[in-house]
């Protein structure tokens, strides 16, 4: 890894990889609809934002997260600012958890993540149905929350491996 750090451009690119992946995921709206699985979707940006905000990653800027939310709203066709609000609320809640935690515990973080994504999705559902009269299926939100919660630990393991490679 020391050879990797001696190359300036590559280490810069590698250190900004989470933000790049966030923008790619909101541009692609990655939820495995290509596999034609009716009841399988998860919110990868929620996992990415929660993990890197929790780890206080220095290149994970909240303004760029806000811009990613605006891009997501544009791609998906939601009212502008809904995803940005969700992403910033995740950043705020995760920063709060990081500041009050003395000893980090992955299982407690995982269940806090469930609480946060449930709260955020209920706020989104309420705003979209009450103010914008969207016809949304509650079952799709519940499926999304379930699979996002389940897949968090898998992606957290991958992201820890990434951070380990960055710190070596």
Protein backbone atom coordinates (compact mmCIF):
# COMPACT_ATOMS: atom_id res chain seq x y z
CA UNK A 1 0.00 0.00 0.00
CA UNK A 2 2.92 2.38 0.50
CA UNK A 3 3.56 2.27 -3.24
CA UNK A 4 -0.07 3.21 -3.73
CA UNK A 5 0.25 6.26 -1.47
CA UNK A 6 3.31 7.53 -3.31
CA UNK A 7 1.16 8.13 -6.39
CA UNK A 8 -0.62 11.46 -5.89
CA UNK A 9 -3.52 11.20 -8.30
CA UNK A 10 -4.45 7.65 -7.39
CA UNK A 11 -4.61 8.32 -3.67
CA UNK A 12 -6.77 11.42 -4.31
CA UNK A 13 -9.10 9.38 -6.47
CA UNK A 14 -9.16 6.57 -3.93
CA UNK A 15 -9.91 8.96 -1.07
CA UNK A 16 -12.86 10.51 -2.96
CA UNK A 17 -14.22 7.13 -4.05
CA UNK A 18 -17.20 7.12 -1.60
CA UNK A 19 -18.51 10.42 -2.99
CA UNK A 20 -17.95 9.21 -6.55
CA UNK A 21 -19.83 5.99 -5.79
CA UNK A 22 -22.63 8.03 -4.18
CA UNK A 23 -23.08 10.10 -7.32
CA UNK A 24 -22.93 7.01 -9.54
CA UNK A 25 -25.56 5.30 -7.39
CA UNK A 26 -27.96 8.25 -7.48
CA UNK A 27 -27.47 8.69 -11.21
CA UNK A 28 -28.09 5.00 -11.84
CA UNK A 29 -30.87 4.65 -9.24
CA UNK A 30 -29.47 1.23 -8.43
CA UNK A 31 -32.13 -0.98 -6.89
CA UNK A 32 -31.83 -4.21 -8.90
CA UNK A 33 -34.92 -3.58 -11.02
CA UNK A 34 -32.95 -5.07 -13.90
CA UNK A 35 -33.33 -8.52 -12.35
CA UNK A 36 -37.16 -8.24 -12.49
CA UNK A 37 -37.47 -9.06 -8.78
CA UNK A 38 -40.74 -7.51 -7.68
CA UNK A 39 -40.16 -7.45 -3.95
CA UNK A 40 -36.49 -6.63 -3.68
CA UNK A 41 -35.11 -3.13 -3.42
CA UNK A 42 -32.71 -1.37 -1.12
CA UNK A 43 -31.43 2.15 -0.74
CA UNK A 44 -27.68 2.03 -1.28
CA UNK A 45 -27.16 5.80 -0.78
CA UNK A 46 -28.64 5.52 2.73
CA UNK A 47 -26.12 2.81 3.61
CA UNK A 48 -23.21 4.74 2.11
CA UNK A 49 -24.12 8.03 3.77
CA UNK A 50 -24.78 6.45 7.16
CA UNK A 51 -21.52 4.51 7.23
CA UNK A 52 -19.16 7.26 6.10
CA UNK A 53 -20.83 9.89 8.26
CA UNK A 54 -20.57 7.54 11.22
CA UNK A 55 -16.86 7.01 10.58
CA UNK A 56 -16.37 10.79 10.15
CA UNK A 57 -14.68 10.30 6.81
CA UNK A 58 -12.85 13.53 5.95
CA UNK A 59 -13.71 13.61 2.22
CA UNK A 60 -17.42 12.93 2.72
CA UNK A 61 -18.67 16.51 2.52
CA UNK A 62 -22.29 17.23 3.50
CA UNK A 63 -22.68 19.75 0.68
CA UNK A 64 -21.80 17.05 -1.85
CA UNK A 65 -24.30 14.74 -0.15
CA UNK A 66 -26.93 17.48 -0.52
CA UNK A 67 -26.07 17.85 -4.22
CA UNK A 68 -26.33 14.08 -4.65
CA UNK A 69 -29.86 14.32 -3.23
CA UNK A 70 -30.76 16.97 -5.79
CA UNK A 71 -29.37 14.77 -8.56
CA UNK A 72 -31.38 11.82 -7.20
CA UNK A 73 -34.59 13.89 -7.21
CA UNK A 74 -33.95 14.90 -10.79
CA UNK A 75 -33.28 11.34 -11.95
CA UNK A 76 -36.18 9.75 -10.08
CA UNK A 77 -38.68 12.54 -10.72
CA UNK A 78 -39.41 13.45 -7.12
CA UNK A 79 -40.05 17.03 -5.99
CA UNK A 80 -36.71 18.79 -5.74
CA UNK A 81 -35.25 18.59 -2.24
CA UNK A 82 -36.95 15.46 -0.88
CA UNK A 83 -33.89 13.22 -1.23
CA UNK A 84 -31.59 16.03 -0.12
CA UNK A 85 -33.65 16.41 3.04
CA UNK A 86 -33.44 12.67 3.63
CA UNK A 87 -29.68 12.54 3.08
CA UNK A 88 -29.01 15.53 5.33
CA UNK A 89 -31.25 14.11 8.07
CA UNK A 90 -29.21 10.90 7.92
CA UNK A 91 -26.01 12.96 8.23
CA UNK A 92 -27.39 14.87 11.23
CA UNK A 93 -28.65 11.76 13.03
CA UNK A 94 -25.41 9.88 12.36
CA UNK A 95 -23.26 12.80 13.52
CA UNK A 96 -25.30 12.88 16.71
CA UNK A 97 -24.74 9.15 17.24
CA UNK A 98 -21.01 9.51 16.58
CA UNK A 99 -20.73 12.34 19.11
CA UNK A 100 -22.60 10.59 21.95
CA UNK A 101 -21.01 7.17 21.48
CA UNK A 102 -18.16 6.30 23.80
CA UNK A 103 -17.57 2.74 22.60
CA UNK A 104 -18.74 2.00 19.06
CA UNK A 105 -20.75 -1.18 18.69
CA UNK A 106 -21.65 -2.42 15.17
CA UNK A 107 -24.87 -4.11 16.32
CA UNK A 108 -26.13 -0.99 18.09
CA UNK A 109 -25.18 1.09 15.04
CA UNK A 110 -27.08 -1.38 12.86
CA UNK A 111 -30.28 -1.03 14.89
CA UNK A 112 -29.86 2.75 15.05
CA UNK A 113 -29.61 2.61 11.26
CA UNK A 114 -32.96 0.73 11.19
CA UNK A 115 -34.53 3.44 13.34
CA UNK A 116 -33.14 6.23 11.17
CA UNK A 117 -34.16 4.76 7.81
CA UNK A 118 -37.62 3.95 9.17
CA UNK A 119 -38.00 7.53 10.37
CA UNK A 120 -36.68 9.01 7.12
CA UNK A 121 -38.88 6.81 4.93
CA UNK A 122 -41.94 7.64 7.02
CA UNK A 123 -41.18 11.35 6.65
CA UNK A 124 -40.75 10.89 2.88
CA UNK A 125 -43.95 8.89 2.63
CA UNK A 126 -45.88 11.50 4.62
CA UNK A 127 -44.56 14.44 2.62
CA UNK A 128 -45.14 12.78 -0.75
CA UNK A 129 -48.66 11.61 0.04
CA UNK A 130 -49.93 14.61 2.03
CA UNK A 131 -48.38 17.54 0.20
CA UNK A 132 -47.74 16.20 -3.30
CA UNK A 133 -50.58 13.63 -3.57
CA UNK A 134 -48.37 10.78 -4.73
CA UNK A 135 -49.96 7.33 -4.77
CA UNK A 136 -47.33 5.25 -2.99
CA UNK A 137 -47.46 1.66 -1.85
CA UNK A 138 -46.53 1.28 1.79
CA UNK A 139 -45.42 -2.30 1.11
CA UNK A 140 -42.68 -1.10 -1.23
CA UNK A 141 -41.36 1.20 1.50
CA UNK A 142 -41.39 -1.65 4.02
CA UNK A 143 -39.56 -3.98 1.63
CA UNK A 144 -37.00 -1.27 0.95
CA UNK A 145 -36.43 -0.66 4.66
CA UNK A 146 -36.08 -4.39 5.34
CA UNK A 147 -33.51 -5.08 2.63
CA UNK A 148 -31.60 -1.88 3.31
CA UNK A 149 -31.36 -2.91 6.96
CA UNK A 150 -30.28 -6.47 6.11
CA UNK A 151 -27.65 -5.42 3.55
CA UNK A 152 -26.11 -2.75 5.79
CA UNK A 153 -23.80 -5.21 7.54
CA UNK A 154 -22.52 -6.61 4.25
CA UNK A 155 -21.70 -3.17 2.87
CA UNK A 156 -20.28 -2.03 6.22
CA UNK A 157 -17.81 -4.90 6.01
CA UNK A 158 -16.80 -3.84 2.48
CA UNK A 159 -16.48 -0.21 3.52
CA UNK A 160 -14.33 -1.14 6.53
CA UNK A 161 -12.04 -3.02 4.17
CA UNK A 162 -11.87 0.12 2.00
CA UNK A 163 -11.00 2.30 5.02
CA UNK A 164 -8.36 -0.19 6.10
CA UNK A 165 -6.78 0.01 2.65
CA UNK A 166 -6.86 3.79 2.78
CA UNK A 167 -5.19 3.95 6.20
CA UNK A 168 -2.41 1.46 5.40
